[in-house]
Amino acid sequence: MKRVDLILSERELDKVIKAIEASGAPGYSVMKHVTGKGPHGVVSDAMDFSGLGANAHVILFCEPEILPKLREGIQPLLDYYGGVAFVAEANPL
């Protein structure tokens, strides 16, 4: 099983979720208003009022066969809008 972590702008969340659902992934979890520091600098906590500039963290677990279709749908969005995606092995407890 694979774990996919996506960090992206909340503005693009609907597009990314559509791509995840189209890939056949069985589900996902979304955490909104993610802040932190990445290669482009710090995301401010001061985005609370408007949400403008806030990020989301999407986590999903899927079988390896899903990854090519997921990559096909997600990569163009990340290339155009920005964001990152990582894939790791996941072993159930």
C-alpha atoms as a PDB file:
ATOM      1  CA  MET A   1       0.000   0.000   0.000  1.00  0.00           C
ATOM      2  CA  LYS A   2       1.145   3.573  -0.724  1.00  0.00           C
ATOM      3  CA  ARG A   3       0.655   6.783   1.243  1.00  0.00           C
ATOM      4  CA  VAL A   4       0.395   9.984  -0.772  1.00  0.00           C
ATOM      5  CA  ASP A   5       0.818  13.365   0.938  1.00  0.00           C
ATOM      6  CA  LEU A   6      -0.110  16.529  -0.948  1.00  0.00           C
ATOM      7  CA  ILE A   7       0.483  20.090   0.257  1.00  0.00           C
ATOM      8  CA  LEU A   8      -1.234  22.667  -1.929  1.00  0.00           C
ATOM      9  CA  SER A   9      -3.167  25.909  -1.916  1.00  0.00           C
ATOM     10  CA  GLU A  10      -6.709  25.559  -0.561  1.00  0.00           C
ATOM     11  CA  ARG A  11      -7.902  27.422  -3.669  1.00  0.00           C
ATOM     12  CA  GLU A  12      -6.975  24.386  -5.795  1.00  0.00           C
ATOM     13  CA  LEU A  13      -8.398  21.797  -3.391  1.00  0.00           C
ATOM     14  CA  ASP A  14     -11.570  21.082  -5.402  1.00  0.00           C
ATOM     15  CA  LYS A  15      -9.572  20.405  -8.579  1.00  0.00           C
ATOM     16  CA  VAL A  16      -7.201  18.084  -6.719  1.00  0.00           C
ATOM     17  CA  ILE A  17     -10.055  16.173  -5.065  1.00  0.00           C
ATOM     18  CA  LYS A  18     -11.679  15.642  -8.469  1.00  0.00           C
ATOM     19  CA  ALA A  19      -8.387  14.233  -9.774  1.00  0.00           C
ATOM     20  CA  ILE A  20      -8.089  11.945  -6.727  1.00  0.00           C
ATOM     21  CA  GLU A  21     -11.620  10.640  -7.189  1.00  0.00           C
ATOM     22  CA  ALA A  22     -11.070  10.128 -10.945  1.00  0.00           C
ATOM     23  CA  SER A  23      -7.948   8.055 -10.203  1.00  0.00           C
ATOM     24  CA  GLY A  24      -9.954   5.420  -8.345  1.00  0.00           C
ATOM     25  CA  ALA A  25      -8.347   6.087  -4.966  1.00  0.00           C
ATOM     26  CA  PRO A  26     -10.614   4.703  -2.229  1.00  0.00           C
ATOM     27  CA  GLY A  27     -10.644   7.864  -0.096  1.00  0.00           C
ATOM     28  CA  TYR A  28      -8.654  10.743   1.331  1.00  0.00           C
ATOM     29  CA  SER A  29      -8.354  13.043   4.345  1.00  0.00           C
ATOM     30  CA  VAL A  30      -8.040  16.837   4.170  1.00  0.00           C
ATOM     31  CA  MET A  31      -6.574  19.169   6.763  1.00  0.00           C
ATOM     32  CA  LYS A  32      -7.137  22.832   5.959  1.00  0.00           C
ATOM     33  CA  HIS A  33      -5.239  25.938   7.052  1.00  0.00           C
ATOM     34  CA  VAL A  34      -1.877  24.181   7.169  1.00  0.00           C
ATOM     35  CA  THR A  35       1.027  26.455   7.990  1.00  0.00           C
ATOM     36  CA  GLY A  36       4.744  25.908   8.124  1.00  0.00           C
ATOM     37  CA  LYS A  37       7.999  26.625   6.362  1.00  0.00           C
ATOM     38  CA  GLY A  38       8.995  25.204   3.023  1.00  0.00           C
ATOM     39  CA  PRO A  39      11.510  26.024   0.307  1.00  0.00           C
ATOM     40  CA  HIS A  40       9.533  29.153  -0.638  1.00  0.00           C
ATOM     41  CA  GLY A  41       9.426  30.570   2.884  1.00  0.00           C
ATOM     42  CA  VAL A  42       6.975  30.706   5.764  1.00  0.00           C
ATOM     43  CA  VAL A  43       3.190  30.571   5.390  1.00  0.00           C
ATOM     44  CA  SER A  44       1.749  33.090   7.817  1.00  0.00           C
ATOM     45  CA  ASP A  45      -0.862  32.300  10.474  1.00  0.00           C
ATOM     46  CA  ALA A  46      -2.308  35.749   9.695  1.00  0.00           C
ATOM     47  CA  MET A  47      -4.387  34.258   6.861  1.00  0.00           C
ATOM     48  CA  ASP A  48      -7.222  33.339   9.279  1.00  0.00           C
ATOM     49  CA  PHE A  49      -9.643  36.079   8.242  1.00  0.00           C
ATOM     50  CA  SER A  50      -9.607  35.667   4.466  1.00  0.00           C
ATOM     51  CA  GLY A  51      -8.042  32.232   4.068  1.00  0.00           C
ATOM     52  CA  LEU A  52      -6.195  33.718   1.095  1.00  0.00           C
ATOM     53  CA  GLY A  53      -2.872  31.974   0.761  1.00  0.00           C
ATOM     54  CA  ALA A  54      -3.765  29.136   3.143  1.00  0.00           C
ATOM     55  CA  ASN A  55      -2.593  25.618   2.340  1.00  0.00           C
ATOM     56  CA  ALA A  56      -4.227  22.230   2.692  1.00  0.00           C
ATOM     57  CA  HIS A  57      -2.685  18.835   3.447  1.00  0.00           C
ATOM     58  CA  VAL A  58      -4.332  15.902   1.681  1.00  0.00           C
ATOM     59  CA  ILE A  59      -3.434  12.343   2.697  1.00  0.00           C
ATOM     60  CA  LEU A  60      -4.561   9.251   0.869  1.00  0.00           C
ATOM     61  CA  PHE A  61      -3.750   5.577   0.913  1.00  0.00           C
ATOM     62  CA  CYS A  62      -4.027   3.440  -2.203  1.00  0.00           C
ATOM     63  CA  GLU A  63      -2.698   0.392  -3.974  1.00  0.00           C
ATOM     64  CA  PRO A  64       0.339   0.956  -6.234  1.00  0.00           C
ATOM     65  CA  GLU A  65      -1.745   0.409  -9.382  1.00  0.00           C
ATOM     66  CA  ILE A  66      -3.628   3.667  -8.663  1.00  0.00           C
ATOM     67  CA  LEU A  67      -0.464   5.834  -8.715  1.00  0.00           C
ATOM     68  CA  PRO A  68      -0.064   6.279 -12.504  1.00  0.00           C
ATOM     69  CA  LYS A  69      -3.625   7.591 -12.939  1.00  0.00           C
ATOM     70  CA  LEU A  70      -3.299   9.701  -9.787  1.00  0.00           C
ATOM     71  CA  ARG A  71      -0.013  11.200 -11.034  1.00  0.00           C
ATOM     72  CA  GLU A  72      -1.605  11.891 -14.432  1.00  0.00           C
ATOM     73  CA  GLY A  73      -4.371  13.937 -12.802  1.00  0.00           C
ATOM     74  CA  ILE A  74      -2.398  15.630 -10.023  1.00  0.00           C
ATOM     75  CA  GLN A  75       0.962  16.506 -11.610  1.00  0.00           C
ATOM     76  CA  PRO A  76      -0.375  19.071 -14.120  1.00  0.00           C
ATOM     77  CA  LEU A  77      -2.205  20.843 -11.275  1.00  0.00           C
ATOM     78  CA  LEU A  78       0.937  20.942  -9.117  1.00  0.00           C
ATOM     79  CA  ASP A  79       3.029  22.124 -12.069  1.00  0.00           C
ATOM     80  CA  TYR A  80       0.603  24.952 -12.849  1.00  0.00           C
ATOM     81  CA  TYR A  81      -0.597  26.043  -9.393  1.00  0.00           C
ATOM     82  CA  GLY A  82       2.294  24.880  -7.210  1.00  0.00           C
ATOM     83  CA  GLY A  83       2.385  22.477  -4.315  1.00  0.00           C
ATOM     84  CA  VAL A  84       4.180  19.257  -3.520  1.00  0.00           C
ATOM     85  CA  ALA A  85       3.336  15.565  -3.474  1.00  0.00           C
ATOM     86  CA  PHE A  86       5.211  12.672  -1.886  1.00  0.00           C
ATOM     87  CA  VAL A  87       4.664   8.933  -2.043  1.00  0.00           C
ATOM     88  CA  ALA A  88       5.782   6.538   0.692  1.00  0.00           C
ATOM     89  CA  GLU A  89       5.243   2.930   1.660  1.00  0.00           C
ATOM     90  CA  ALA A  90       2.444   2.368   4.147  1.00  0.00           C
ATOM     91  CA  ASN A  91       2.011  -0.746   6.258  1.00  0.00           C
ATOM     92  CA  PRO A  92      -1.183  -1.268   8.243  1.00  0.00           C
ATOM     93  CA  LEU A  93      -0.755  -1.909  11.960  1.00  0.00           C
END
